[in-house]
């Protein structure tokens, strides 16, 4: 399970790395792989995204994926446009200062059906920390069949309680284990998060701390 978890994270991190080339490099890659009209339209979407300051490599990757699957020009271009819209929406939800890897992970979450306000809530609970792993975990839970609202609440709740990236990945592994053993995705997710909240170091520390005031009992 841990090997599979590491592979998923590595895949997202690789996909979220923006292409370092300039506009000419993007154009050359596109025209080397796509037909005339598809290349023209995809190039236009990529140029617009670049002008907006959005990552362009995910758009080119989406175009190439469509081509490899034999999509027609209209379907291929529509997929690239959906990706571009998701990238723009993710940046709006996460904040304009968000780095490319967060924007790409956020776009993946939106395309998986995660509501934009879940991204905003994650940013609120981690204002200065990276959201790549929380978003990866969120996408992966949805892919495992966890309802979007349940997955969103679970990740936001754990992050708000102070879960580190490592803790979120361990929570994800526990949920996967329960699902693989026959547990319902929604029920398994709720049970694992509640258990983690009960066992978390932050809770232990709060419970061990003496109360500020004690009401005197006559």
N, C-alpha and C. Protein backbone atom coordinates (compact mmCIF):
# COMPACT_ATOMS: atom_id res chain seq x y z
N UNK A 1 0.82 -1.20 0.00
CA UNK A 1 0.00 0.00 0.00
C UNK A 1 0.86 1.26 0.00
N UNK A 2 1.94 1.24 0.80
CA UNK A 2 2.78 2.43 0.87
C UNK A 2 3.45 2.69 -0.47
N UNK A 3 3.86 1.60 -1.17
CA UNK A 3 4.49 1.79 -2.48
C UNK A 3 3.51 2.43 -3.45
N UNK A 4 2.23 1.98 -3.39
CA UNK A 4 1.23 2.55 -4.29
C UNK A 4 0.97 4.01 -3.94
N UNK A 5 0.94 4.33 -2.63
CA UNK A 5 0.73 5.71 -2.20
C UNK A 5 1.84 6.60 -2.71
N UNK A 6 3.08 6.14 -2.60
CA UNK A 6 4.21 6.92 -3.06
C UNK A 6 4.14 7.14 -4.57
N UNK A 7 3.70 6.12 -5.29
CA UNK A 7 3.59 6.25 -6.75
C UNK A 7 2.56 7.30 -7.13
N UNK A 8 1.43 7.32 -6.42
CA UNK A 8 0.39 8.31 -6.72
C UNK A 8 0.90 9.72 -6.48
N UNK A 9 1.57 9.93 -5.35
CA UNK A 9 2.10 11.26 -5.05
C UNK A 9 3.12 11.68 -6.09
N UNK A 10 3.99 10.76 -6.46
CA UNK A 10 5.01 11.08 -7.46
C UNK A 10 4.37 11.45 -8.78
N UNK A 11 3.29 10.74 -9.14
CA UNK A 11 2.60 11.03 -10.40
C UNK A 11 2.04 12.43 -10.39
N UNK A 12 1.39 12.83 -9.29
CA UNK A 12 0.82 14.16 -9.23
C UNK A 12 1.90 15.23 -9.23
N UNK A 13 2.98 14.99 -8.51
CA UNK A 13 4.05 15.98 -8.47
C UNK A 13 4.68 16.15 -9.84
N UNK A 14 4.85 15.03 -10.57
CA UNK A 14 5.42 15.13 -11.91
C UNK A 14 4.47 15.87 -12.84
N UNK A 15 3.17 15.57 -12.72
CA UNK A 15 2.19 16.22 -13.59
C UNK A 15 2.04 17.70 -13.27
N UNK A 16 2.35 18.08 -12.03
CA UNK A 16 2.14 19.47 -11.63
C UNK A 16 3.33 20.36 -11.92
N UNK A 17 4.41 19.80 -12.46
CA UNK A 17 5.58 20.61 -12.76
C UNK A 17 5.40 21.29 -14.10
N UNK A 18 5.33 22.62 -14.09
CA UNK A 18 5.09 23.36 -15.32
C UNK A 18 6.28 23.24 -16.26
N UNK A 19 5.99 23.12 -17.56
CA UNK A 19 7.04 23.07 -18.57
C UNK A 19 7.85 24.35 -18.53
N UNK A 20 9.15 24.22 -18.54
CA UNK A 20 10.01 25.38 -18.38
C UNK A 20 10.27 26.11 -19.69
N UNK A 21 9.78 25.57 -20.80
CA UNK A 21 10.05 26.20 -22.08
C UNK A 21 9.24 27.46 -22.28
N UNK A 22 9.59 28.20 -23.35
CA UNK A 22 8.86 29.42 -23.66
C UNK A 22 7.74 29.10 -24.64
N UNK A 23 7.10 30.14 -25.16
CA UNK A 23 5.97 29.94 -26.07
C UNK A 23 6.38 29.17 -27.32
N UNK A 24 7.58 29.47 -27.82
CA UNK A 24 8.05 28.77 -29.02
C UNK A 24 8.20 27.28 -28.76
N UNK A 25 8.69 26.92 -27.57
CA UNK A 25 8.84 25.50 -27.23
C UNK A 25 7.48 24.82 -27.18
N UNK A 26 6.50 25.49 -26.57
CA UNK A 26 5.16 24.92 -26.51
C UNK A 26 4.60 24.71 -27.92
N UNK A 27 4.77 25.71 -28.76
CA UNK A 27 4.26 25.62 -30.13
C UNK A 27 4.91 24.45 -30.88
N UNK A 28 6.20 24.31 -30.71
CA UNK A 28 6.91 23.24 -31.41
C UNK A 28 6.42 21.87 -30.95
N UNK A 29 6.20 21.70 -29.67
CA UNK A 29 5.72 20.42 -29.15
C UNK A 29 4.32 20.11 -29.67
N UNK A 30 3.47 21.13 -29.66
CA UNK A 30 2.08 20.93 -30.10
C UNK A 30 2.02 20.54 -31.58
N UNK A 31 2.72 21.29 -32.42
CA UNK A 31 2.65 21.04 -33.85
C UNK A 31 3.37 19.76 -34.26
N UNK A 32 4.26 19.28 -33.39
CA UNK A 32 4.94 18.02 -33.69
C UNK A 32 4.03 16.82 -33.47
N UNK A 33 2.97 17.00 -32.66
CA UNK A 33 2.13 15.86 -32.30
C UNK A 33 0.70 15.95 -32.84
N UNK A 34 0.21 17.17 -33.10
CA UNK A 34 -1.19 17.32 -33.45
C UNK A 34 -1.37 17.76 -34.89
N UNK A 35 -2.57 17.51 -35.41
CA UNK A 35 -2.89 17.91 -36.78
C UNK A 35 -3.12 19.42 -36.85
N UNK A 36 -3.26 19.94 -38.06
CA UNK A 36 -3.31 21.38 -38.27
C UNK A 36 -4.34 22.12 -37.45
N UNK A 37 -5.64 21.77 -37.58
CA UNK A 37 -6.68 22.53 -36.89
C UNK A 37 -6.62 22.31 -35.38
N UNK A 38 -6.41 21.08 -34.96
CA UNK A 38 -6.30 20.80 -33.54
C UNK A 38 -5.10 21.53 -32.95
N UNK A 39 -3.99 21.52 -33.67
CA UNK A 39 -2.79 22.21 -33.19
C UNK A 39 -3.05 23.70 -33.07
N UNK A 40 -3.75 24.26 -34.03
CA UNK A 40 -4.02 25.70 -34.00
C UNK A 40 -4.87 26.07 -32.78
N UNK A 41 -5.93 25.29 -32.54
CA UNK A 41 -6.82 25.62 -31.43
C UNK A 41 -6.18 25.37 -30.07
N UNK A 42 -5.45 24.28 -29.96
CA UNK A 42 -4.77 24.00 -28.70
C UNK A 42 -3.72 25.07 -28.42
N UNK A 43 -3.00 25.47 -29.44
CA UNK A 43 -2.00 26.53 -29.28
C UNK A 43 -2.64 27.81 -28.78
N UNK A 44 -3.83 28.13 -29.28
CA UNK A 44 -4.52 29.34 -28.86
C UNK A 44 -4.89 29.26 -27.37
N UNK A 45 -5.37 28.09 -26.94
CA UNK A 45 -5.72 27.92 -25.52
C UNK A 45 -4.47 28.03 -24.65
N UNK A 46 -3.38 27.43 -25.11
CA UNK A 46 -2.14 27.46 -24.34
C UNK A 46 -1.60 28.88 -24.24
N UNK A 47 -1.66 29.63 -25.34
CA UNK A 47 -1.18 31.02 -25.31
C UNK A 47 -2.01 31.86 -24.34
N UNK A 48 -3.31 31.64 -24.35
CA UNK A 48 -4.18 32.39 -23.44
C UNK A 48 -3.86 32.05 -21.99
N UNK A 49 -3.64 30.77 -21.72
CA UNK A 49 -3.29 30.35 -20.36
C UNK A 49 -1.97 30.95 -19.92
N UNK A 50 -1.00 30.94 -20.83
CA UNK A 50 0.30 31.52 -20.51
C UNK A 50 0.16 33.01 -20.19
N UNK A 51 -0.66 33.71 -20.95
CA UNK A 51 -0.87 35.14 -20.71
C UNK A 51 -1.52 35.40 -19.35
N UNK A 52 -2.32 34.44 -18.89
CA UNK A 52 -2.97 34.56 -17.58
C UNK A 52 -2.07 34.12 -16.44
N UNK A 53 -0.89 33.60 -16.78
CA UNK A 53 0.03 33.14 -15.74
C UNK A 53 -0.28 31.75 -15.23
N UNK A 54 -1.05 30.97 -16.01
CA UNK A 54 -1.39 29.61 -15.60
C UNK A 54 -0.36 28.61 -16.13
N UNK A 55 -0.22 27.46 -15.48
CA UNK A 55 0.67 26.42 -16.00
C UNK A 55 0.18 25.94 -17.37
N UNK A 56 1.07 25.78 -18.29
CA UNK A 56 0.68 25.36 -19.64
C UNK A 56 0.94 23.88 -19.90
N UNK A 57 1.88 23.28 -19.21
CA UNK A 57 2.21 21.88 -19.50
C UNK A 57 1.02 20.94 -19.30
N UNK A 58 0.18 21.14 -18.26
CA UNK A 58 -0.98 20.25 -18.14
C UNK A 58 -1.92 20.31 -19.34
N UNK A 59 -1.99 21.47 -19.98
CA UNK A 59 -2.85 21.60 -21.16
C UNK A 59 -2.29 20.81 -22.33
N UNK A 60 -0.98 20.91 -22.51
CA UNK A 60 -0.34 20.16 -23.60
C UNK A 60 -0.43 18.66 -23.32
N UNK A 61 -0.24 18.29 -22.06
CA UNK A 61 -0.35 16.87 -21.70
C UNK A 61 -1.76 16.35 -21.96
N UNK A 62 -2.77 17.17 -21.65
CA UNK A 62 -4.16 16.75 -21.91
C UNK A 62 -4.41 16.58 -23.40
N UNK A 63 -3.85 17.49 -24.21
CA UNK A 63 -4.00 17.38 -25.66
C UNK A 63 -3.35 16.10 -26.18
N UNK A 64 -2.15 15.81 -25.70
CA UNK A 64 -1.45 14.62 -26.15
C UNK A 64 -2.17 13.35 -25.70
N UNK A 65 -2.76 13.39 -24.50
CA UNK A 65 -3.53 12.24 -24.01
C UNK A 65 -4.72 11.99 -24.93
N UNK A 66 -5.41 13.08 -25.30
CA UNK A 66 -6.55 12.93 -26.20
C UNK A 66 -6.12 12.36 -27.54
N UNK A 67 -5.00 12.83 -28.05
CA UNK A 67 -4.50 12.33 -29.33
C UNK A 67 -4.16 10.85 -29.24
N UNK A 68 -3.54 10.45 -28.13
CA UNK A 68 -3.14 9.04 -27.99
C UNK A 68 -4.35 8.12 -27.89
N UNK A 69 -5.47 8.67 -27.44
CA UNK A 69 -6.70 7.87 -27.32
C UNK A 69 -7.54 7.92 -28.59
N UNK A 70 -7.07 8.65 -29.57
CA UNK A 70 -7.79 8.72 -30.83
C UNK A 70 -8.97 9.66 -30.83
N UNK A 71 -8.98 10.65 -29.93
CA UNK A 71 -10.09 11.60 -29.89
C UNK A 71 -10.09 12.45 -31.15
N UNK A 72 -11.29 12.83 -31.59
CA UNK A 72 -11.35 13.72 -32.75
C UNK A 72 -10.96 15.14 -32.32
N UNK A 73 -10.78 16.02 -33.29
CA UNK A 73 -10.29 17.36 -32.98
C UNK A 73 -11.20 18.09 -32.00
N UNK A 74 -12.51 17.99 -32.21
CA UNK A 74 -13.45 18.70 -31.36
C UNK A 74 -13.36 18.21 -29.91
N UNK A 75 -13.32 16.89 -29.73
CA UNK A 75 -13.23 16.34 -28.39
C UNK A 75 -11.92 16.66 -27.72
N UNK A 76 -10.86 16.61 -28.49
CA UNK A 76 -9.53 16.91 -27.96
C UNK A 76 -9.45 18.35 -27.46
N UNK A 77 -9.92 19.28 -28.30
CA UNK A 77 -9.86 20.70 -27.94
C UNK A 77 -10.78 20.98 -26.76
N UNK A 78 -11.95 20.35 -26.73
CA UNK A 78 -12.88 20.55 -25.61
C UNK A 78 -12.23 20.11 -24.29
N UNK A 79 -11.50 19.01 -24.32
CA UNK A 79 -10.81 18.55 -23.13
C UNK A 79 -9.76 19.54 -22.65
N UNK A 80 -9.04 20.11 -23.58
CA UNK A 80 -8.02 21.10 -23.22
C UNK A 80 -8.67 22.35 -22.63
N UNK A 81 -9.80 22.75 -23.22
CA UNK A 81 -10.50 23.92 -22.69
C UNK A 81 -11.03 23.67 -21.28
N UNK A 82 -11.54 22.47 -21.04
CA UNK A 82 -12.00 22.14 -19.68
C UNK A 82 -10.85 22.19 -18.70
N UNK A 83 -9.70 21.69 -19.11
CA UNK A 83 -8.53 21.74 -18.24
C UNK A 83 -8.13 23.17 -17.95
N UNK A 84 -8.14 24.02 -18.96
CA UNK A 84 -7.78 25.43 -18.77
C UNK A 84 -8.75 26.12 -17.82
N UNK A 85 -10.04 25.85 -17.98
CA UNK A 85 -11.05 26.44 -17.09
C UNK A 85 -10.83 25.98 -15.65
N UNK A 86 -10.49 24.70 -15.48
CA UNK A 86 -10.27 24.17 -14.14
C UNK A 86 -9.04 24.80 -13.50
N UNK A 87 -7.99 25.01 -14.29
CA UNK A 87 -6.79 25.66 -13.76
C UNK A 87 -7.11 27.08 -13.29
N UNK A 88 -7.87 27.81 -14.09
CA UNK A 88 -8.22 29.19 -13.71
C UNK A 88 -9.09 29.20 -12.46
N UNK A 89 -10.05 28.27 -12.39
CA UNK A 89 -10.93 28.21 -11.23
C UNK A 89 -10.17 27.80 -9.97
N UNK A 90 -9.22 26.89 -10.13
CA UNK A 90 -8.42 26.45 -8.98
C UNK A 90 -7.60 27.61 -8.43
N UNK A 91 -7.00 28.39 -9.32
CA UNK A 91 -6.22 29.52 -8.83
C UNK A 91 -7.11 30.53 -8.11
N UNK A 92 -8.31 30.76 -8.61
CA UNK A 92 -9.24 31.67 -7.95
C UNK A 92 -9.57 31.17 -6.55
N UNK A 93 -9.82 29.86 -6.41
CA UNK A 93 -10.20 29.29 -5.12
C UNK A 93 -9.04 29.22 -4.14
N UNK A 94 -7.85 28.94 -4.66
CA UNK A 94 -6.68 28.76 -3.80
C UNK A 94 -5.94 30.06 -3.53
N UNK A 95 -6.14 31.06 -4.40
CA UNK A 95 -5.44 32.32 -4.24
C UNK A 95 -4.47 32.55 -5.39
N UNK A 96 -4.37 33.78 -5.83
CA UNK A 96 -3.56 34.09 -7.01
C UNK A 96 -2.08 33.84 -6.79
N UNK A 97 -1.66 33.79 -5.52
CA UNK A 97 -0.24 33.56 -5.24
C UNK A 97 0.11 32.08 -5.16
N UNK A 98 -0.86 31.21 -5.39
CA UNK A 98 -0.61 29.77 -5.29
C UNK A 98 0.38 29.31 -6.35
N UNK A 99 1.32 28.44 -5.99
CA UNK A 99 2.28 27.93 -6.97
C UNK A 99 1.63 26.97 -7.95
N UNK A 100 2.34 26.69 -9.03
CA UNK A 100 1.80 25.86 -10.11
C UNK A 100 1.36 24.48 -9.63
N UNK A 101 2.14 23.86 -8.74
CA UNK A 101 1.79 22.50 -8.34
C UNK A 101 0.45 22.47 -7.60
N UNK A 102 0.18 23.49 -6.79
CA UNK A 102 -1.11 23.55 -6.12
C UNK A 102 -2.25 23.79 -7.11
N UNK A 103 -2.01 24.67 -8.08
CA UNK A 103 -3.04 24.97 -9.07
C UNK A 103 -3.40 23.72 -9.87
N UNK A 104 -2.38 22.95 -10.26
CA UNK A 104 -2.63 21.73 -11.03
C UNK A 104 -3.38 20.71 -10.18
N UNK A 105 -2.97 20.53 -8.94
CA UNK A 105 -3.66 19.59 -8.05
C UNK A 105 -5.09 20.06 -7.79
N UNK A 106 -5.26 21.37 -7.62
CA UNK A 106 -6.60 21.91 -7.41
C UNK A 106 -7.49 21.70 -8.62
N UNK A 107 -6.93 21.89 -9.81
CA UNK A 107 -7.70 21.66 -11.04
C UNK A 107 -8.13 20.20 -11.14
N UNK A 108 -7.26 19.28 -10.77
CA UNK A 108 -7.61 17.86 -10.78
C UNK A 108 -8.78 17.59 -9.84
N UNK A 109 -8.76 18.25 -8.67
CA UNK A 109 -9.85 18.07 -7.72
C UNK A 109 -11.16 18.59 -8.29
N UNK A 110 -11.11 19.76 -8.90
CA UNK A 110 -12.33 20.32 -9.48
C UNK A 110 -12.87 19.44 -10.59
N UNK A 111 -11.99 18.93 -11.43
CA UNK A 111 -12.43 18.05 -12.52
C UNK A 111 -12.99 16.73 -11.98
N UNK A 112 -12.59 16.36 -10.77
CA UNK A 112 -13.12 15.14 -10.14
C UNK A 112 -14.47 15.39 -9.48
N UNK A 113 -14.93 16.65 -9.48
CA UNK A 113 -16.22 16.97 -8.90
C UNK A 113 -16.17 17.63 -7.54
N UNK A 114 -14.96 17.89 -7.03
CA UNK A 114 -14.83 18.55 -5.73
C UNK A 114 -15.28 20.00 -5.87
N UNK A 115 -16.14 20.49 -4.97
CA UNK A 115 -16.61 21.88 -5.09
C UNK A 115 -15.49 22.88 -4.80
N UNK A 116 -15.58 24.03 -5.44
CA UNK A 116 -14.54 25.04 -5.30
C UNK A 116 -14.39 25.51 -3.86
N UNK A 117 -15.48 25.52 -3.10
CA UNK A 117 -15.36 26.02 -1.73
C UNK A 117 -14.54 25.09 -0.85
N UNK A 118 -14.43 23.81 -1.24
CA UNK A 118 -13.56 22.90 -0.49
C UNK A 118 -12.10 23.33 -0.63
N UNK A 119 -11.73 23.78 -1.82
CA UNK A 119 -10.37 24.28 -2.03
C UNK A 119 -10.14 25.52 -1.19
N UNK A 120 -11.13 26.41 -1.15
CA UNK A 120 -11.00 27.64 -0.37
C UNK A 120 -10.88 27.33 1.12
N UNK A 121 -11.63 26.34 1.59
CA UNK A 121 -11.54 25.97 3.00
C UNK A 121 -10.17 25.39 3.33
N UNK A 122 -9.63 24.59 2.42
CA UNK A 122 -8.29 24.05 2.65
C UNK A 122 -7.27 25.18 2.75
N UNK A 123 -7.38 26.17 1.88
CA UNK A 123 -6.47 27.30 1.94
C UNK A 123 -6.61 28.03 3.28
N UNK A 124 -7.84 28.16 3.75
CA UNK A 124 -8.07 28.87 5.01
C UNK A 124 -7.42 28.16 6.19
N UNK A 125 -7.43 26.82 6.17
CA UNK A 125 -6.85 26.09 7.30
C UNK A 125 -5.35 25.91 7.16
N UNK A 126 -4.83 26.11 5.95
CA UNK A 126 -3.38 26.05 5.73
C UNK A 126 -2.95 27.28 4.95
N UNK A 127 -3.06 28.45 5.53
CA UNK A 127 -2.79 29.68 4.78
C UNK A 127 -1.37 29.81 4.26
N UNK A 128 -0.41 29.22 4.96
CA UNK A 128 0.97 29.35 4.52
C UNK A 128 1.63 28.06 4.13
N UNK A 129 0.89 26.96 4.14
CA UNK A 129 1.46 25.66 3.84
C UNK A 129 1.04 25.14 2.49
N UNK A 130 1.78 24.17 1.98
CA UNK A 130 1.46 23.58 0.69
C UNK A 130 0.18 22.75 0.78
N UNK A 131 -0.64 22.84 -0.25
CA UNK A 131 -1.87 22.08 -0.32
C UNK A 131 -1.79 20.93 -1.31
N UNK A 132 -0.61 20.66 -1.84
CA UNK A 132 -0.49 19.62 -2.85
C UNK A 132 -0.93 18.27 -2.30
N UNK A 133 -0.38 17.85 -1.19
CA UNK A 133 -0.71 16.54 -0.63
C UNK A 133 -2.18 16.46 -0.20
N UNK A 134 -2.73 17.47 0.52
CA UNK A 134 -4.16 17.40 0.83
C UNK A 134 -5.03 17.24 -0.42
N UNK A 135 -4.68 17.94 -1.49
CA UNK A 135 -5.46 17.85 -2.72
C UNK A 135 -5.27 16.50 -3.40
N UNK A 136 -4.06 15.97 -3.35
CA UNK A 136 -3.80 14.64 -3.91
C UNK A 136 -4.63 13.59 -3.15
N UNK A 137 -4.62 13.68 -1.83
CA UNK A 137 -5.39 12.74 -1.01
C UNK A 137 -6.88 12.87 -1.32
N UNK A 138 -7.35 14.09 -1.44
CA UNK A 138 -8.76 14.33 -1.74
C UNK A 138 -9.15 13.70 -3.08
N UNK A 139 -8.35 13.95 -4.11
CA UNK A 139 -8.63 13.36 -5.43
C UNK A 139 -8.61 11.84 -5.37
N UNK A 140 -7.66 11.30 -4.63
CA UNK A 140 -7.51 9.86 -4.58
C UNK A 140 -8.68 9.20 -3.86
N UNK A 141 -9.17 9.83 -2.79
CA UNK A 141 -10.33 9.28 -2.08
C UNK A 141 -11.55 9.25 -3.00
N UNK A 142 -11.75 10.32 -3.75
CA UNK A 142 -12.87 10.36 -4.69
C UNK A 142 -12.72 9.25 -5.73
N UNK A 143 -11.49 9.06 -6.21
CA UNK A 143 -11.24 8.00 -7.19
C UNK A 143 -11.52 6.62 -6.61
N UNK A 144 -11.40 6.49 -5.29
CA UNK A 144 -11.64 5.22 -4.62
C UNK A 144 -13.12 4.98 -4.33
N UNK A 145 -13.97 5.94 -4.72
CA UNK A 145 -15.39 5.76 -4.53
C UNK A 145 -15.97 6.48 -3.33
N UNK A 146 -15.15 7.25 -2.61
CA UNK A 146 -15.67 8.02 -1.49
C UNK A 146 -16.49 9.19 -2.05
N UNK A 147 -17.73 9.39 -1.60
CA UNK A 147 -18.51 10.52 -2.11
C UNK A 147 -17.75 11.83 -1.94
N UNK A 148 -17.92 12.72 -2.91
CA UNK A 148 -17.15 13.96 -2.93
C UNK A 148 -17.32 14.74 -1.64
N UNK A 149 -18.55 14.88 -1.17
CA UNK A 149 -18.77 15.68 0.04
C UNK A 149 -18.11 15.05 1.26
N UNK A 150 -18.14 13.71 1.34
CA UNK A 150 -17.52 13.01 2.47
C UNK A 150 -16.00 13.17 2.41
N UNK A 151 -15.42 12.99 1.22
CA UNK A 151 -13.97 13.13 1.06
C UNK A 151 -13.53 14.55 1.39
N UNK A 152 -14.29 15.54 0.93
CA UNK A 152 -13.93 16.94 1.18
C UNK A 152 -13.95 17.25 2.67
N UNK A 153 -15.02 16.84 3.34
CA UNK A 153 -15.13 17.10 4.78
C UNK A 153 -14.01 16.39 5.54
N UNK A 154 -13.69 15.17 5.13
CA UNK A 154 -12.65 14.41 5.83
C UNK A 154 -11.30 15.10 5.74
N UNK A 155 -10.90 15.52 4.54
CA UNK A 155 -9.58 16.14 4.37
C UNK A 155 -9.54 17.50 5.04
N UNK A 156 -10.58 18.29 4.89
CA UNK A 156 -10.61 19.62 5.52
C UNK A 156 -10.59 19.48 7.03
N UNK A 157 -11.37 18.55 7.56
CA UNK A 157 -11.42 18.34 9.01
C UNK A 157 -10.06 17.94 9.56
N UNK A 158 -9.40 16.99 8.90
CA UNK A 158 -8.09 16.54 9.36
C UNK A 158 -7.07 17.67 9.25
N UNK A 159 -7.09 18.41 8.16
CA UNK A 159 -6.15 19.52 8.00
C UNK A 159 -6.40 20.59 9.06
N UNK A 160 -7.65 20.87 9.34
CA UNK A 160 -7.97 21.87 10.37
C UNK A 160 -7.47 21.42 11.74
N UNK A 161 -7.48 20.12 11.96
CA UNK A 161 -7.01 19.58 13.24
C UNK A 161 -5.50 19.48 13.32
N UNK A 162 -4.81 19.90 12.26
CA UNK A 162 -3.36 19.93 12.29
C UNK A 162 -2.67 18.76 11.64
N UNK A 163 -3.37 17.99 10.83
CA UNK A 163 -2.74 16.84 10.18
C UNK A 163 -1.63 17.30 9.24
N UNK A 164 -0.48 16.70 9.38
CA UNK A 164 0.63 16.97 8.47
C UNK A 164 0.40 16.20 7.17
N UNK A 165 1.26 16.45 6.18
CA UNK A 165 1.16 15.69 4.93
C UNK A 165 1.30 14.20 5.19
N UNK A 166 2.25 13.84 6.04
CA UNK A 166 2.44 12.43 6.35
C UNK A 166 1.22 11.83 7.02
N UNK A 167 0.60 12.58 7.92
CA UNK A 167 -0.60 12.09 8.60
C UNK A 167 -1.74 11.90 7.61
N UNK A 168 -1.88 12.83 6.67
CA UNK A 168 -2.94 12.71 5.66
C UNK A 168 -2.73 11.47 4.80
N UNK A 169 -1.49 11.19 4.44
CA UNK A 169 -1.22 9.99 3.64
C UNK A 169 -1.49 8.73 4.44
N UNK A 170 -1.21 8.76 5.75
CA UNK A 170 -1.51 7.59 6.57
C UNK A 170 -3.02 7.41 6.72
N UNK A 171 -3.75 8.51 6.87
CA UNK A 171 -5.20 8.44 6.93
C UNK A 171 -5.74 7.82 5.65
N UNK A 172 -5.20 8.27 4.53
CA UNK A 172 -5.62 7.75 3.23
C UNK A 172 -5.36 6.24 3.13
N UNK A 173 -4.20 5.80 3.62
CA UNK A 173 -3.88 4.38 3.56
C UNK A 173 -4.84 3.56 4.42
N UNK A 174 -5.20 4.10 5.59
CA UNK A 174 -6.14 3.39 6.46
C UNK A 174 -7.51 3.26 5.79
N UNK A 175 -7.93 4.34 5.14
CA UNK A 175 -9.21 4.30 4.44
C UNK A 175 -9.17 3.28 3.32
N UNK A 176 -8.09 3.28 2.55
CA UNK A 176 -7.96 2.32 1.46
C UNK A 176 -8.01 0.89 1.99
N UNK A 177 -7.33 0.65 3.09
CA UNK A 177 -7.31 -0.70 3.66
C UNK A 177 -8.71 -1.16 4.02
N UNK A 178 -9.47 -0.26 4.63
CA UNK A 178 -10.84 -0.63 5.02
C UNK A 178 -11.71 -0.88 3.80
N UNK A 179 -11.55 -0.05 2.79
CA UNK A 179 -12.34 -0.24 1.57
C UNK A 179 -11.97 -1.57 0.90
N UNK A 180 -10.67 -1.85 0.85
CA UNK A 180 -10.22 -3.09 0.22
C UNK A 180 -10.69 -4.32 1.00
N UNK A 181 -10.95 -4.12 2.30
CA UNK A 181 -11.45 -5.23 3.12
C UNK A 181 -12.97 -5.30 3.15
N UNK A 182 -13.61 -4.53 2.26
CA UNK A 182 -15.06 -4.62 2.13
C UNK A 182 -15.85 -3.51 2.77
N UNK A 183 -15.18 -2.55 3.36
CA UNK A 183 -15.89 -1.45 3.99
C UNK A 183 -16.49 -0.50 2.98
N UNK A 184 -17.63 0.09 3.33
CA UNK A 184 -18.24 1.10 2.46
C UNK A 184 -17.35 2.33 2.44
N UNK A 185 -17.09 2.92 1.28
CA UNK A 185 -16.17 4.07 1.20
C UNK A 185 -16.52 5.21 2.15
N UNK A 186 -17.80 5.61 2.19
CA UNK A 186 -18.18 6.74 3.04
C UNK A 186 -18.01 6.39 4.52
N UNK A 187 -18.50 5.22 4.90
CA UNK A 187 -18.40 4.80 6.30
C UNK A 187 -16.95 4.63 6.73
N UNK A 188 -16.15 4.02 5.88
CA UNK A 188 -14.73 3.81 6.20
C UNK A 188 -14.02 5.14 6.41
N UNK A 189 -14.33 6.09 5.55
CA UNK A 189 -13.68 7.41 5.66
C UNK A 189 -14.04 8.08 6.97
N UNK A 190 -15.31 8.09 7.30
CA UNK A 190 -15.73 8.72 8.56
C UNK A 190 -15.11 8.06 9.76
N UNK A 191 -15.08 6.74 9.77
CA UNK A 191 -14.53 6.02 10.92
C UNK A 191 -13.04 6.29 11.08
N UNK A 192 -12.29 6.28 9.97
CA UNK A 192 -10.85 6.49 10.06
C UNK A 192 -10.54 7.91 10.54
N UNK A 193 -11.23 8.89 10.02
CA UNK A 193 -10.96 10.27 10.42
C UNK A 193 -11.32 10.48 11.89
N UNK A 194 -12.45 9.93 12.33
CA UNK A 194 -12.82 10.06 13.74
C UNK A 194 -11.78 9.39 14.64
N UNK A 195 -11.29 8.23 14.21
CA UNK A 195 -10.27 7.55 15.00
C UNK A 195 -8.99 8.38 15.06
N UNK A 196 -8.60 8.94 13.92
CA UNK A 196 -7.39 9.77 13.91
C UNK A 196 -7.55 10.99 14.81
N UNK A 197 -8.71 11.62 14.76
CA UNK A 197 -8.94 12.79 15.61
C UNK A 197 -8.84 12.40 17.08
N UNK A 198 -9.32 11.21 17.42
CA UNK A 198 -9.26 10.74 18.80
C UNK A 198 -7.83 10.45 19.24
N UNK A 199 -7.02 9.95 18.29
CA UNK A 199 -5.66 9.54 18.63
C UNK A 199 -4.61 10.61 18.36
N UNK A 200 -4.98 11.68 17.69
CA UNK A 200 -3.98 12.64 17.22
C UNK A 200 -3.22 13.28 18.36
N UNK A 201 -1.92 13.56 18.14
CA UNK A 201 -1.10 14.21 19.17
C UNK A 201 -1.68 15.54 19.62
N UNK A 202 -2.30 16.29 18.71
CA UNK A 202 -2.86 17.59 19.08
C UNK A 202 -3.95 17.42 20.12
N UNK A 203 -4.80 16.39 19.94
CA UNK A 203 -5.87 16.14 20.90
C UNK A 203 -5.30 15.71 22.23
N UNK A 204 -4.29 14.82 22.18
CA UNK A 204 -3.66 14.35 23.42
C UNK A 204 -3.09 15.51 24.21
N UNK A 205 -2.45 16.44 23.48
CA UNK A 205 -1.85 17.59 24.15
C UNK A 205 -2.92 18.47 24.77
N UNK A 206 -4.04 18.66 24.06
CA UNK A 206 -5.11 19.50 24.60
C UNK A 206 -5.71 18.86 25.83
N UNK A 207 -5.92 17.52 25.77
CA UNK A 207 -6.54 16.83 26.89
C UNK A 207 -5.64 16.83 28.12
N UNK A 208 -4.31 16.82 27.88
CA UNK A 208 -3.37 16.76 29.01
C UNK A 208 -3.16 18.13 29.64
N UNK A 209 -3.46 19.19 28.91
CA UNK A 209 -3.23 20.54 29.44
C UNK A 209 -4.23 20.83 30.54
N UNK A 210 -3.76 21.47 31.66
CA UNK A 210 -4.68 21.80 32.75
C UNK A 210 -5.63 22.90 32.31
N UNK A 211 -6.88 22.88 32.76
CA UNK A 211 -7.83 23.92 32.40
C UNK A 211 -7.40 25.26 32.98
N UNK A 212 -7.74 26.33 32.29
CA UNK A 212 -7.34 27.66 32.74
C UNK A 212 -7.99 27.99 34.08
N UNK A 213 -9.23 27.58 34.24
CA UNK A 213 -9.94 27.83 35.49
C UNK A 213 -10.76 26.61 35.84
N UNK A 214 -10.90 26.36 37.11
CA UNK A 214 -11.75 25.27 37.56
C UNK A 214 -12.85 25.83 38.44
N UNK A 215 -14.07 25.47 38.12
CA UNK A 215 -15.19 25.95 38.90
C UNK A 215 -15.18 25.24 40.25
N UNK A 216 -15.20 25.99 41.32
CA UNK A 216 -15.18 25.41 42.66
C UNK A 216 -16.54 24.80 42.98
N UNK A 217 -16.48 23.59 43.49
CA UNK A 217 -17.70 22.92 43.89
C UNK A 217 -17.87 23.08 45.37
N UNK A 218 -18.95 23.68 45.80
CA UNK A 218 -19.14 23.90 47.26
C UNK A 218 -19.28 22.59 48.02
